[in-house]
PDB file of N, CA and C in Angstrom:
ATOM      1  N   MET A   1     122.708 107.576 120.861  1.00  0.00           N
ATOM      2  CA  MET A   1     121.406 106.985 120.670  1.00  0.00           C
ATOM      3  C   MET A   1     121.104 106.075 121.851  1.00  0.00           C
ATOM      4  N   LYS A   2     119.880 106.083 122.207  1.00  0.00           N
ATOM      5  CA  LYS A   2     119.473 105.221 123.309  1.00  0.00           C
ATOM      6  C   LYS A   2     119.379 103.779 122.812  1.00  0.00           C
ATOM      7  N   LYS A   3     119.592 102.886 123.723  1.00  0.00           N
ATOM      8  CA  LYS A   3     119.485 101.463 123.409  1.00  0.00           C
ATOM      9  C   LYS A   3     118.111 100.988 123.861  1.00  0.00           C
ATOM     10  N   ILE A   4     117.590  99.976 123.188  1.00  0.00           N
ATOM     11  CA  ILE A   4     116.315  99.396 123.601  1.00  0.00           C
ATOM     12  C   ILE A   4     116.503  97.913 123.825  1.00  0.00           C
ATOM     13  N   LEU A   5     115.655  97.376 124.640  1.00  0.00           N
ATOM     14  CA  LEU A   5     115.656  95.937 124.871  1.00  0.00           C
ATOM     15  C   LEU A   5     115.155  95.262 123.611  1.00  0.00           C
ATOM     16  N   ASN A   6     115.825  94.211 123.216  1.00  0.00           N
ATOM     17  CA  ASN A   6     115.471  93.560 121.967  1.00  0.00           C
ATOM     18  C   ASN A   6     115.248  92.086 122.202  1.00  0.00           C
ATOM     19  N   LYS A   7     114.107  91.613 121.758  1.00  0.00           N
ATOM     20  CA  LYS A   7     113.757  90.208 121.985  1.00  0.00           C
ATOM     21  C   LYS A   7     114.474  89.261 121.025  1.00  0.00           C
ATOM     22  N   ASN A   8     114.888  89.736 119.858  1.00  0.00           N
ATOM     23  CA  ASN A   8     115.421  88.844 118.832  1.00  0.00           C
ATOM     24  C   ASN A   8     116.940  88.783 118.765  1.00  0.00           C
ATOM     25  N   GLN A   9     117.619  89.877 119.052  1.00  0.00           N
ATOM     26  CA  GLN A   9     119.062  89.910 118.878  1.00  0.00           C
ATOM     27  C   GLN A   9     119.743  90.173 120.202  1.00  0.00           C
ATOM     28  N   ASN A  10     120.743  91.024 120.197  1.00  0.00           N
ATOM     29  CA  ASN A  10     121.428  91.379 121.432  1.00  0.00           C
ATOM     30  C   ASN A  10     120.421  91.953 122.414  1.00  0.00           C
ATOM     31  N   LYS A  11     120.811  91.987 123.668  1.00  0.00           N
ATOM     32  CA  LYS A  11     119.920  92.587 124.664  1.00  0.00           C
ATOM     33  C   LYS A  11     119.745  94.069 124.392  1.00  0.00           C
ATOM     34  N   ASN A  12     120.764  94.704 123.854  1.00  0.00           N
ATOM     35  CA  ASN A  12     120.691  96.137 123.571  1.00  0.00           C
ATOM     36  C   ASN A  12     121.079  96.409 122.130  1.00  0.00           C
ATOM     37  N   GLU A  13     120.408  97.359 121.553  1.00  0.00           N
ATOM     38  CA  GLU A  13     120.660  97.721 120.167  1.00  0.00           C
ATOM     39  C   GLU A  13     120.074  99.111 119.951  1.00  0.00           C
ATOM     40  N   PRO A  14     120.723  99.966 119.174  1.00  0.00           N
ATOM     41  CA  PRO A  14     120.132 101.284 118.916  1.00  0.00           C
ATOM     42  C   PRO A  14     118.750 101.135 118.292  1.00  0.00           C
ATOM     43  N   TRP A  15     117.838 102.003 118.693  1.00  0.00           N
ATOM     44  CA  TRP A  15     116.448 101.866 118.248  1.00  0.00           C
ATOM     45  C   TRP A  15     116.317 101.950 116.743  1.00  0.00           C
ATOM     46  N   PHE A  16     117.134 102.790 116.068  1.00  0.00           N
ATOM     47  CA  PHE A  16     116.994 102.923 114.618  1.00  0.00           C
ATOM     48  C   PHE A  16     117.445 101.661 113.901  1.00  0.00           C
ATOM     49  N   LYS A  17     118.433 100.939 114.447  1.00  0.00           N
ATOM     50  CA  LYS A  17     118.829  99.655 113.837  1.00  0.00           C
ATOM     51  C   LYS A  17     117.728  98.630 114.033  1.00  0.00           C
ATOM     52  N   TRP A  18     117.144  98.645 115.230  1.00  0.00           N
ATOM     53  CA  TRP A  18     116.029  97.737 115.503  1.00  0.00           C
ATOM     54  C   TRP A  18     114.893  98.018 114.546  1.00  0.00           C
ATOM     55  N   LEU A  19     114.535  99.294 114.386  1.00  0.00           N
ATOM     56  CA  LEU A  19     113.424  99.672 113.514  1.00  0.00           C
ATOM     57  C   LEU A  19     113.684  99.259 112.073  1.00  0.00           C
ATOM     58  N   THR A  20     114.901  99.521 111.600  1.00  0.00           N
ATOM     59  CA  THR A  20     115.259  99.150 110.224  1.00  0.00           C
ATOM     60  C   THR A  20     115.162  97.638 110.024  1.00  0.00           C
ATOM     61  N   ARG A  21     115.691  96.891 110.983  1.00  0.00           N
ATOM     62  CA  ARG A  21     115.642  95.425 110.872  1.00  0.00           C
ATOM     63  C   ARG A  21     114.208  94.924 110.885  1.00  0.00           C
ATOM     64  N   GLU A  22     113.406  95.461 111.794  1.00  0.00           N
ATOM     65  CA  GLU A  22     112.007  95.021 111.892  1.00  0.00           C
ATOM     66  C   GLU A  22     111.209  95.382 110.643  1.00  0.00           C
ATOM     67  N   LEU A  23     111.425  96.586 110.133  1.00  0.00           N
ATOM     68  CA  LEU A  23     110.722  96.992 108.907  1.00  0.00           C
ATOM     69  C   LEU A  23     111.137  96.123 107.722  1.00  0.00           C
ATOM     70  N   ASN A  24     112.426  95.815 107.631  1.00  0.00           N
ATOM     71  CA  ASN A  24     112.898  94.991 106.518  1.00  0.00           C
ATOM     72  C   ASN A  24     112.383  93.561 106.599  1.00  0.00           C
ATOM     73  N   SER A  25     112.118  93.084 107.799  1.00  0.00           N
ATOM     74  CA  SER A  25     111.627  91.709 107.926  1.00  0.00           C
ATOM     75  C   SER A  25     110.096  91.641 107.925  1.00  0.00           C
ATOM     76  N   TYR A  26     109.445  92.791 107.979  1.00  0.00           N
ATOM     77  CA  TYR A  26     107.985  92.840 107.978  1.00  0.00           C
ATOM     78  C   TYR A  26     107.468  92.528 106.575  1.00  0.00           C
ATOM     79  N   GLU A  27     106.504  91.675 106.484  1.00  0.00           N
ATOM     80  CA  GLU A  27     105.991  91.227 105.185  1.00  0.00           C
ATOM     81  C   GLU A  27     104.913  92.175 104.657  1.00  0.00           C
ATOM     82  N   ALA A  28     105.291  93.409 104.384  1.00  0.00           N
ATOM     83  CA  ALA A  28     104.340  94.423 103.940  1.00  0.00           C
ATOM     84  C   ALA A  28     103.712  94.066 102.591  1.00  0.00           C
ATOM     85  N   PHE A  29     104.463  93.416 101.716  1.00  0.00           N
ATOM     86  CA  PHE A  29     103.933  93.119 100.389  1.00  0.00           C
ATOM     87  C   PHE A  29     102.749  92.162 100.442  1.00  0.00           C
ATOM     88  N   GLN A  30     102.724  91.296 101.430  1.00  0.00           N
ATOM     89  CA  GLN A  30     101.553  90.430 101.599  1.00  0.00           C
ATOM     90  C   GLN A  30     100.327  91.267 101.922  1.00  0.00           C
ATOM     91  N   ASP A  31     100.512  92.284 102.765  1.00  0.00           N
ATOM     92  CA  ASP A  31      99.406  93.176 103.091  1.00  0.00           C
ATOM     93  C   ASP A  31      98.969  93.976 101.866  1.00  0.00           C
ATOM     94  N   PHE A  32      99.927  94.435 101.066  1.00  0.00           N
ATOM     95  CA  PHE A  32      99.584  95.175  99.853  1.00  0.00           C
ATOM     96  C   PHE A  32      98.786  94.300  98.896  1.00  0.00           C
ATOM     97  N   GLU A  33      99.198  93.041  98.763  1.00  0.00           N
ATOM     98  CA  GLU A  33      98.496  92.121  97.871  1.00  0.00           C
ATOM     99  C   GLU A  33      97.067  91.870  98.332  1.00  0.00           C
ATOM    100  N   SER A  34      96.839  91.959  99.635  1.00  0.00           N
ATOM    101  CA  SER A  34      95.480  91.744 100.138  1.00  0.00           C
ATOM    102  C   SER A  34      94.630  93.012 100.059  1.00  0.00           C
ATOM    103  N   GLY A  35      95.195  94.086  99.491  1.00  0.00           N
ATOM    104  CA  GLY A  35      94.425  95.293  99.248  1.00  0.00           C
ATOM    105  C   GLY A  35      94.619  96.410 100.261  1.00  0.00           C
ATOM    106  N   LYS A  36      95.500  96.214 101.233  1.00  0.00           N
ATOM    107  CA  LYS A  36      95.723  97.274 102.222  1.00  0.00           C
ATOM    108  C   LYS A  36      96.552  98.398 101.611  1.00  0.00           C
ATOM    109  N   ASN A  37      96.275  99.612 102.056  1.00  0.00           N
ATOM    110  CA  ASN A  37      97.070 100.745 101.589  1.00  0.00           C
ATOM    111  C   ASN A  37      98.271 100.942 102.515  1.00  0.00           C
ATOM    112  N   PRO A  38      99.263 101.711 102.086  1.00  0.00           N
ATOM    113  CA  PRO A  38     100.480 101.882 102.889  1.00  0.00           C
ATOM    114  C   PRO A  38     100.227 102.395 104.305  1.00  0.00           C
ATOM    115  N   ARG A  39      99.274 103.296 104.475  1.00  0.00           N
ATOM    116  CA  ARG A  39      98.991 103.821 105.813  1.00  0.00           C
ATOM    117  C   ARG A  39      98.498 102.712 106.740  1.00  0.00           C
ATOM    118  N   ASP A  40      97.603 101.865 106.235  1.00  0.00           N
ATOM    119  CA  ASP A  40      97.095 100.751 107.056  1.00  0.00           C
ATOM    120  C   ASP A  40      98.205  99.760 107.396  1.00  0.00           C
ATOM    121  N   VAL A  41      99.089  99.506 106.446  1.00  0.00           N
ATOM    122  CA  VAL A  41     100.205  98.593 106.686  1.00  0.00           C
ATOM    123  C   VAL A  41     101.112  99.173 107.767  1.00  0.00           C
ATOM    124  N   ALA A  42     101.362 100.473 107.696  1.00  0.00           N
ATOM    125  CA  ALA A  42     102.200 101.125 108.714  1.00  0.00           C
ATOM    126  C   ALA A  42     101.537 101.046 110.087  1.00  0.00           C
ATOM    127  N   GLU A  43     100.235 101.278 110.148  1.00  0.00           N
ATOM    128  CA  GLU A  43      99.530 101.202 111.429  1.00  0.00           C
ATOM    129  C   GLU A  43      99.552  99.787 111.994  1.00  0.00           C
ATOM    130  N   ASP A  44      99.453  98.786 111.124  1.00  0.00           N
ATOM    131  CA  ASP A  44      99.565  97.392 111.572  1.00  0.00           C
ATOM    132  C   ASP A  44     100.953  97.119 112.151  1.00  0.00           C
ATOM    133  N   PHE A  45     101.981  97.633 111.473  1.00  0.00           N
ATOM    134  CA  PHE A  45     103.349  97.452 111.951  1.00  0.00           C
ATOM    135  C   PHE A  45     103.512  98.074 113.343  1.00  0.00           C
ATOM    136  N   ILE A  46     103.023  99.289 113.508  1.00  0.00           N
ATOM    137  CA  ILE A  46     103.109  99.969 114.801  1.00  0.00           C
ATOM    138  C   ILE A  46     102.365  99.183 115.870  1.00  0.00           C
ATOM    139  N   SER A  47     101.191  98.697 115.535  1.00  0.00           N
ATOM    140  CA  SER A  47     100.393  97.934 116.487  1.00  0.00           C
ATOM    141  C   SER A  47     101.105  96.653 116.921  1.00  0.00           C
ATOM    142  N   ARG A  48     101.690  95.949 115.965  1.00  0.00           N
ATOM    143  CA  ARG A  48     102.376  94.687 116.269  1.00  0.00           C
ATOM    144  C   ARG A  48     103.652  94.891 117.089  1.00  0.00           C
ATOM    145  N   ASN A  49     104.217  96.080 117.017  1.00  0.00           N
ATOM    146  CA  ASN A  49     105.468  96.364 117.714  1.00  0.00           C
ATOM    147  C   ASN A  49     105.290  97.414 118.805  1.00  0.00           C
ATOM    148  N   SER A  50     104.086  97.551 119.313  1.00  0.00           N
ATOM    149  CA  SER A  50     103.782  98.638 120.247  1.00  0.00           C
ATOM    150  C   SER A  50     104.595  98.570 121.543  1.00  0.00           C
ATOM    151  N   ILE A  51     104.871  97.389 122.043  1.00  0.00           N
ATOM    152  CA  ILE A  51     105.622  97.271 123.305  1.00  0.00           C
ATOM    153  C   ILE A  51     107.059  97.776 123.115  1.00  0.00           C
ATOM    154  N   ALA A  52     107.725  97.317 122.066  1.00  0.00           N
ATOM    155  CA  ALA A  52     109.098  97.765 121.810  1.00  0.00           C
ATOM    156  C   ALA A  52     109.137  99.255 121.511  1.00  0.00           C
ATOM    157  N   ILE A  53     108.151  99.750 120.787  1.00  0.00           N
ATOM    158  CA  ILE A  53     108.106 101.171 120.469  1.00  0.00           C
ATOM    159  C   ILE A  53     107.891 101.991 121.731  1.00  0.00           C
ATOM    160  N   SER A  54     107.058 101.514 122.635  1.00  0.00           N
ATOM    161  CA  SER A  54     106.858 102.249 123.890  1.00  0.00           C
ATOM    162  C   SER A  54     108.149 102.288 124.706  1.00  0.00           C
ATOM    163  N   GLU A  55     108.978 101.241 124.614  1.00  0.00           N
ATOM    164  CA  GLU A  55     110.275 101.246 125.290  1.00  0.00           C
ATOM    165  C   GLU A  55     111.191 102.316 124.701  1.00  0.00           C
ATOM    166  N   VAL A  56     111.117 102.506 123.388  1.00  0.00           N
ATOM    167  CA  VAL A  56     111.914 103.550 122.740  1.00  0.00           C
ATOM    168  C   VAL A  56     111.498 104.912 123.287  1.00  0.00           C
ATOM    169  N   PHE A  57     110.206 105.144 123.379  1.00  0.00           N
ATOM    170  CA  PHE A  57     109.710 106.451 123.824  1.00  0.00           C
ATOM    171  C   PHE A  57     110.026 106.756 125.283  1.00  0.00           C
ATOM    172  N   GLU A  58     110.225 105.751 126.101  1.00  0.00           N
ATOM    173  CA  GLU A  58     110.512 105.977 127.512  1.00  0.00           C
ATOM    174  C   GLU A  58     111.779 106.804 127.716  1.00  0.00           C
ATOM    175  N   ASN A  59     112.762 106.611 126.864  1.00  0.00           N
ATOM    176  CA  ASN A  59     114.042 107.306 127.017  1.00  0.00           C
ATOM    177  C   ASN A  59     114.387 108.185 125.824  1.00  0.00           C
ATOM    178  N   PHE A  60     113.403 108.534 125.049  1.00  0.00           N
ATOM    179  CA  PHE A  60     113.622 109.334 123.847  1.00  0.00           C
ATOM    180  C   PHE A  60     114.144 110.708 124.245  1.00  0.00           C
ATOM    181  N   ASP A  61     115.267 111.141 123.646  1.00  0.00           N
ATOM    182  CA  ASP A  61     115.842 112.437 124.000  1.00  0.00           C
ATOM    183  C   ASP A  61     116.090 113.271 122.745  1.00  0.00           C
ATOM    184  N   GLU A  62     116.769 114.389 122.905  1.00  0.00           N
ATOM    185  CA  GLU A  62     117.000 115.310 121.793  1.00  0.00           C
ATOM    186  C   GLU A  62     117.840 114.668 120.686  1.00  0.00           C
ATOM    187  N   GLU A  63     118.829 113.886 121.059  1.00  0.00           N
ATOM    188  CA  GLU A  63     119.658 113.202 120.057  1.00  0.00           C
ATOM    189  C   GLU A  63     118.814 112.215 119.254  1.00  0.00           C
ATOM    190  N   ASP A  64     117.915 111.524 119.930  1.00  0.00           N
ATOM    191  CA  ASP A  64     117.022 110.603 119.230  1.00  0.00           C
ATOM    192  C   ASP A  64     116.078 111.360 118.295  1.00  0.00           C
ATOM    193  N   GLN A  65     115.620 112.523 118.740  1.00  0.00           N
ATOM    194  CA  GLN A  65     114.748 113.341 117.890  1.00  0.00           C
ATOM    195  C   GLN A  65     115.490 113.785 116.637  1.00  0.00           C
ATOM    196  N   ASP A  66     116.753 114.170 116.797  1.00  0.00           N
ATOM    197  CA  ASP A  66     117.569 114.551 115.631  1.00  0.00           C
ATOM    198  C   ASP A  66     117.710 113.387 114.661  1.00  0.00           C
ATOM    199  N   THR A  67     117.943 112.196 115.203  1.00  0.00           N
ATOM    200  CA  THR A  67     118.058 111.001 114.352  1.00  0.00           C
ATOM    201  C   THR A  67     116.755 110.751 113.614  1.00  0.00           C
ATOM    202  N   LEU A  68     115.642 110.866 114.312  1.00  0.00           N
ATOM    203  CA  LEU A  68     114.337 110.673 113.676  1.00  0.00           C
ATOM    204  C   LEU A  68     114.118 111.698 112.573  1.00  0.00           C
ATOM    205  N   ASP A  69     114.474 112.946 112.832  1.00  0.00           N
ATOM    206  CA  ASP A  69     114.332 113.988 111.808  1.00  0.00           C
ATOM    207  C   ASP A  69     115.147 113.659 110.568  1.00  0.00           C
ATOM    208  N   GLN A  70     116.369 113.147 110.761  1.00  0.00           N
ATOM    209  CA  GLN A  70     117.207 112.774 109.625  1.00  0.00           C
ATOM    210  C   GLN A  70     116.606 111.606 108.844  1.00  0.00           C
ATOM    211  N   PHE A  71     116.039 110.638 109.576  1.00  0.00           N
ATOM    212  CA  PHE A  71     115.362 109.517 108.906  1.00  0.00           C
ATOM    213  C   PHE A  71     114.176 110.009 108.079  1.00  0.00           C
ATOM    214  N   LEU A  72     113.420 110.949 108.626  1.00  0.00           N
ATOM    215  CA  LEU A  72     112.274 111.489 107.897  1.00  0.00           C
ATOM    216  C   LEU A  72     112.716 112.178 106.608  1.00  0.00           C
ATOM    217  N   LYS A  73     113.789 112.957 106.685  1.00  0.00           N
ATOM    218  CA  LYS A  73     114.307 113.629 105.498  1.00  0.00           C
ATOM    219  C   LYS A  73     114.790 112.612 104.469  1.00  0.00           C
ATOM    220  N   LEU A  74     115.528 111.613 104.929  1.00  0.00           N
ATOM    221  CA  LEU A  74     116.038 110.592 104.021  1.00  0.00           C
ATOM    222  C   LEU A  74     114.896 109.829 103.357  1.00  0.00           C
ATOM    223  N   THR A  75     113.886 109.475 104.137  1.00  0.00           N
ATOM    224  CA  THR A  75     112.736 108.744 103.603  1.00  0.00           C
ATOM    225  C   THR A  75     111.990 109.581 102.575  1.00  0.00           C
ATOM    226  N   GLU A  76     111.816 110.871 102.870  1.00  0.00           N
ATOM    227  CA  GLU A  76     111.146 111.760 101.921  1.00  0.00           C
ATOM    228  C   GLU A  76     111.957 111.882 100.635  1.00  0.00           C
ATOM    229  N   CYS A  77     113.266 111.990 100.773  1.00  0.00           N
ATOM    230  CA  CYS A  77     114.140 112.058  99.610  1.00  0.00           C
ATOM    231  C   CYS A  77     114.010 110.790  98.762  1.00  0.00           C
ATOM    232  N   GLU A  78     114.035 109.631  99.420  1.00  0.00           N
ATOM    233  CA  GLU A  78     113.888 108.363  98.702  1.00  0.00           C
ATOM    234  C   GLU A  78     112.562 108.302  97.965  1.00  0.00           C
ATOM    235  N   MET A  79     111.495 108.774  98.598  1.00  0.00           N
ATOM    236  CA  MET A  79     110.185 108.760  97.948  1.00  0.00           C
ATOM    237  C   MET A  79     110.224 109.619  96.677  1.00  0.00           C
ATOM    238  N   HIS A  80     110.853 110.796  96.767  1.00  0.00           N
ATOM    239  CA  HIS A  80     110.937 111.664  95.592  1.00  0.00           C
ATOM    240  C   HIS A  80     111.761 111.017  94.482  1.00  0.00           C
ATOM    241  N   VAL A  81     112.842 110.341  94.835  1.00  0.00           N
ATOM    242  CA  VAL A  81     113.654 109.646  93.834  1.00  0.00           C
ATOM    243  C   VAL A  81     112.803 108.599  93.118  1.00  0.00           C
ATOM    244  N   PHE A  82     112.048 107.801  93.880  1.00  0.00           N
ATOM    245  CA  PHE A  82     111.206 106.773  93.267  1.00  0.00           C
ATOM    246  C   PHE A  82     110.117 107.380  92.385  1.00  0.00           C
ATOM    247  N   ARG A  83     109.540 108.502  92.796  1.00  0.00           N
ATOM    248  CA  ARG A  83     108.517 109.175  91.971  1.00  0.00           C
ATOM    249  C   ARG A  83     109.122 109.682  90.669  1.00  0.00           C
ATOM    250  N   ILE A  84     110.330 110.264  90.744  1.00  0.00           N
ATOM    251  CA  ILE A  84     110.996 110.750  89.539  1.00  0.00           C
ATOM    252  C   ILE A  84     111.285 109.590  88.599  1.00  0.00           C
ATOM    253  N   LEU A  85     111.799 108.481  89.150  1.00  0.00           N
ATOM    254  CA  LEU A  85     112.066 107.301  88.319  1.00  0.00           C
ATOM    255  C   LEU A  85     110.783 106.789  87.684  1.00  0.00           C
ATOM    256  N   GLU A  86     109.715 106.775  88.442  1.00  0.00           N
ATOM    257  CA  GLU A  86     108.412 106.315  87.932  1.00  0.00           C
ATOM    258  C   GLU A  86     107.972 107.179  86.750  1.00  0.00           C
ATOM    259  N   LYS A  87     108.146 108.501  86.866  1.00  0.00           N
ATOM    260  CA  LYS A  87     107.766 109.410  85.768  1.00  0.00           C
ATOM    261  C   LYS A  87     108.623 109.183  84.537  1.00  0.00           C
ATOM    262  N   HIS A  88     109.926 108.977  84.747  1.00  0.00           N
ATOM    263  CA  HIS A  88     110.819 108.732  83.611  1.00  0.00           C
ATOM    264  C   HIS A  88     110.459 107.432  82.895  1.00  0.00           C
ATOM    265  N   ILE A  89     110.131 106.424  83.643  1.00  0.00           N
ATOM    266  CA  ILE A  89     109.732 105.148  83.032  1.00  0.00           C
ATOM    267  C   ILE A  89     108.437 105.308  82.263  1.00  0.00           C
ATOM    268  N   ALA A  90     107.484 106.031  82.835  1.00  0.00           N
ATOM    269  CA  ALA A  90     106.212 106.260  82.146  1.00  0.00           C
ATOM    270  C   ALA A  90     106.430 107.028  80.852  1.00  0.00           C
ATOM    271  N   LEU A  91     107.292 108.042  80.884  1.00  0.00           N
ATOM    272  CA  LEU A  91     107.580 108.799  79.665  1.00  0.00           C
ATOM    273  C   LEU A  91     108.270 107.936  78.626  1.00  0.00           C
ATOM    274  N   ARG A  92     109.209 107.130  79.073  1.00  0.00           N
ATOM    275  CA  ARG A  92     109.926 106.250  78.147  1.00  0.00           C
ATOM    276  C   ARG A  92     108.976 105.275  77.467  1.00  0.00           C
ATOM    277  N   ASN A  93     108.006 104.791  78.230  1.00  0.00           N
ATOM    278  CA  ASN A  93     107.055 103.837  77.667  1.00  0.00           C
ATOM    279  C   ASN A  93     106.092 104.493  76.689  1.00  0.00           C
ATOM    280  N   LYS A  94     105.922 105.813  76.757  1.00  0.00           N
ATOM    281  CA  LYS A  94     105.023 106.528  75.846  1.00  0.00           C
ATOM    282  C   LYS A  94     105.700 106.891  74.536  1.00  0.00           C
ATOM    283  N   ILE A  95     107.011 106.939  74.528  1.00  0.00           N
ATOM    284  CA  ILE A  95     107.741 107.351  73.325  1.00  0.00           C
ATOM    285  C   ILE A  95     107.686 106.239  72.289  1.00  0.00           C
ATOM    286  N   ARG A  96     107.347 106.629  71.080  1.00  0.00           N
ATOM    287  CA  ARG A  96     107.317 105.686  69.962  1.00  0.00           C
ATOM    288  C   ARG A  96     108.471 106.038  69.026  1.00  0.00           C
ATOM    289  N   PHE A  97     109.239 105.058  68.670  1.00  0.00           N
ATOM    290  CA  PHE A  97     110.354 105.292  67.775  1.00  0.00           C
ATOM    291  C   PHE A  97     109.897 105.037  66.346  1.00  0.00           C
ATOM    292  N   VAL A  98     110.264 105.971  65.509  1.00  0.00           N
ATOM    293  CA  VAL A  98     109.892 105.873  64.097  1.00  0.00           C
ATOM    294  C   VAL A  98     111.175 105.742  63.293  1.00  0.00           C
ATOM    295  N   ASP A  99     111.186 104.770  62.428  1.00  0.00           N
ATOM    296  CA  ASP A  99     112.337 104.575  61.555  1.00  0.00           C
ATOM    297  C   ASP A  99     112.041 105.291  60.247  1.00  0.00           C
ATOM    298  N   PHE A 100     112.653 106.464  60.084  1.00  0.00           N
ATOM    299  CA  PHE A 100     112.386 107.272  58.899  1.00  0.00           C
ATOM    300  C   PHE A 100     113.091 106.728  57.664  1.00  0.00           C
ATOM    301  N   LYS A 101     113.992 105.805  57.831  1.00  0.00           N
ATOM    302  CA  LYS A 101     114.687 105.230  56.682  1.00  0.00           C
ATOM    303  C   LYS A 101     113.770 104.294  55.912  1.00  0.00           C
ATOM    304  N   LYS A 102     112.839 103.689  56.595  1.00  0.00           N
ATOM    305  CA  LYS A 102     111.894 102.812  55.913  1.00  0.00           C
ATOM    306  C   LYS A 102     110.759 103.668  55.395  1.00  0.00           C
ATOM    307  N   ARG A 103     110.654 103.743  54.095  1.00  0.00           N
ATOM    308  CA  ARG A 103     109.594 104.557  53.519  1.00  0.00           C
ATOM    309  C   ARG A 103     108.591 103.648  52.849  1.00  0.00           C
ATOM    310  N   LYS A 104     107.382 104.091  52.908  1.00  0.00           N
ATOM    311  CA  LYS A 104     106.341 103.344  52.217  1.00  0.00           C
ATOM    312  C   LYS A 104     106.527 103.541  50.726  1.00  0.00           C
ATOM    313  N   LYS A 105     106.381 102.450  50.043  1.00  0.00           N
ATOM    314  CA  LYS A 105     106.471 102.546  48.586  1.00  0.00           C
ATOM    315  C   LYS A 105     105.103 102.986  48.064  1.00  0.00           C
ATOM    316  N   ILE A 106     105.146 103.992  47.262  1.00  0.00           N
ATOM    317  CA  ILE A 106     103.890 104.502  46.695  1.00  0.00           C
ATOM    318  C   ILE A 106     103.625 103.741  45.414  1.00  0.00           C
ATOM    319  N   LYS A 107     102.435 103.190  45.359  1.00  0.00           N
ATOM    320  CA  LYS A 107     102.056 102.458  44.154  1.00  0.00           C
ATOM    321  C   LYS A 107     101.532 103.433  43.120  1.00  0.00           C
ATOM    322  N   SER A 108     101.984 103.236  41.870  1.00  0.00           N
ATOM    323  CA  SER A 108     101.544 104.127  40.817  1.00  0.00           C
ATOM    324  C   SER A 108     100.450 103.518  40.023  1.00  0.00           C
TER     325      SER A 108
END
């Protein structure tokens, strides 16, 4: 993996570690609370980090492309896991439990 110049940590660091650290420290939830959608938040992140990202692209090679492809697959997999969990939670919340042992007393 190519190394990139990093303003916050070591002078050199693999770009994917830099990206992960920057994404984890990015306050995306504040943007979500203000009504921004995920695409806009991502575009803001790219805009704010455009200089470092352009440094990554200067030396981007086939190995870096393979790493990016693996990240894309992993991210897509994670999204599917979260969607499945979301569906299971929604189904669980719709289920009503009935206690058949408690019977209504019929008045005569």
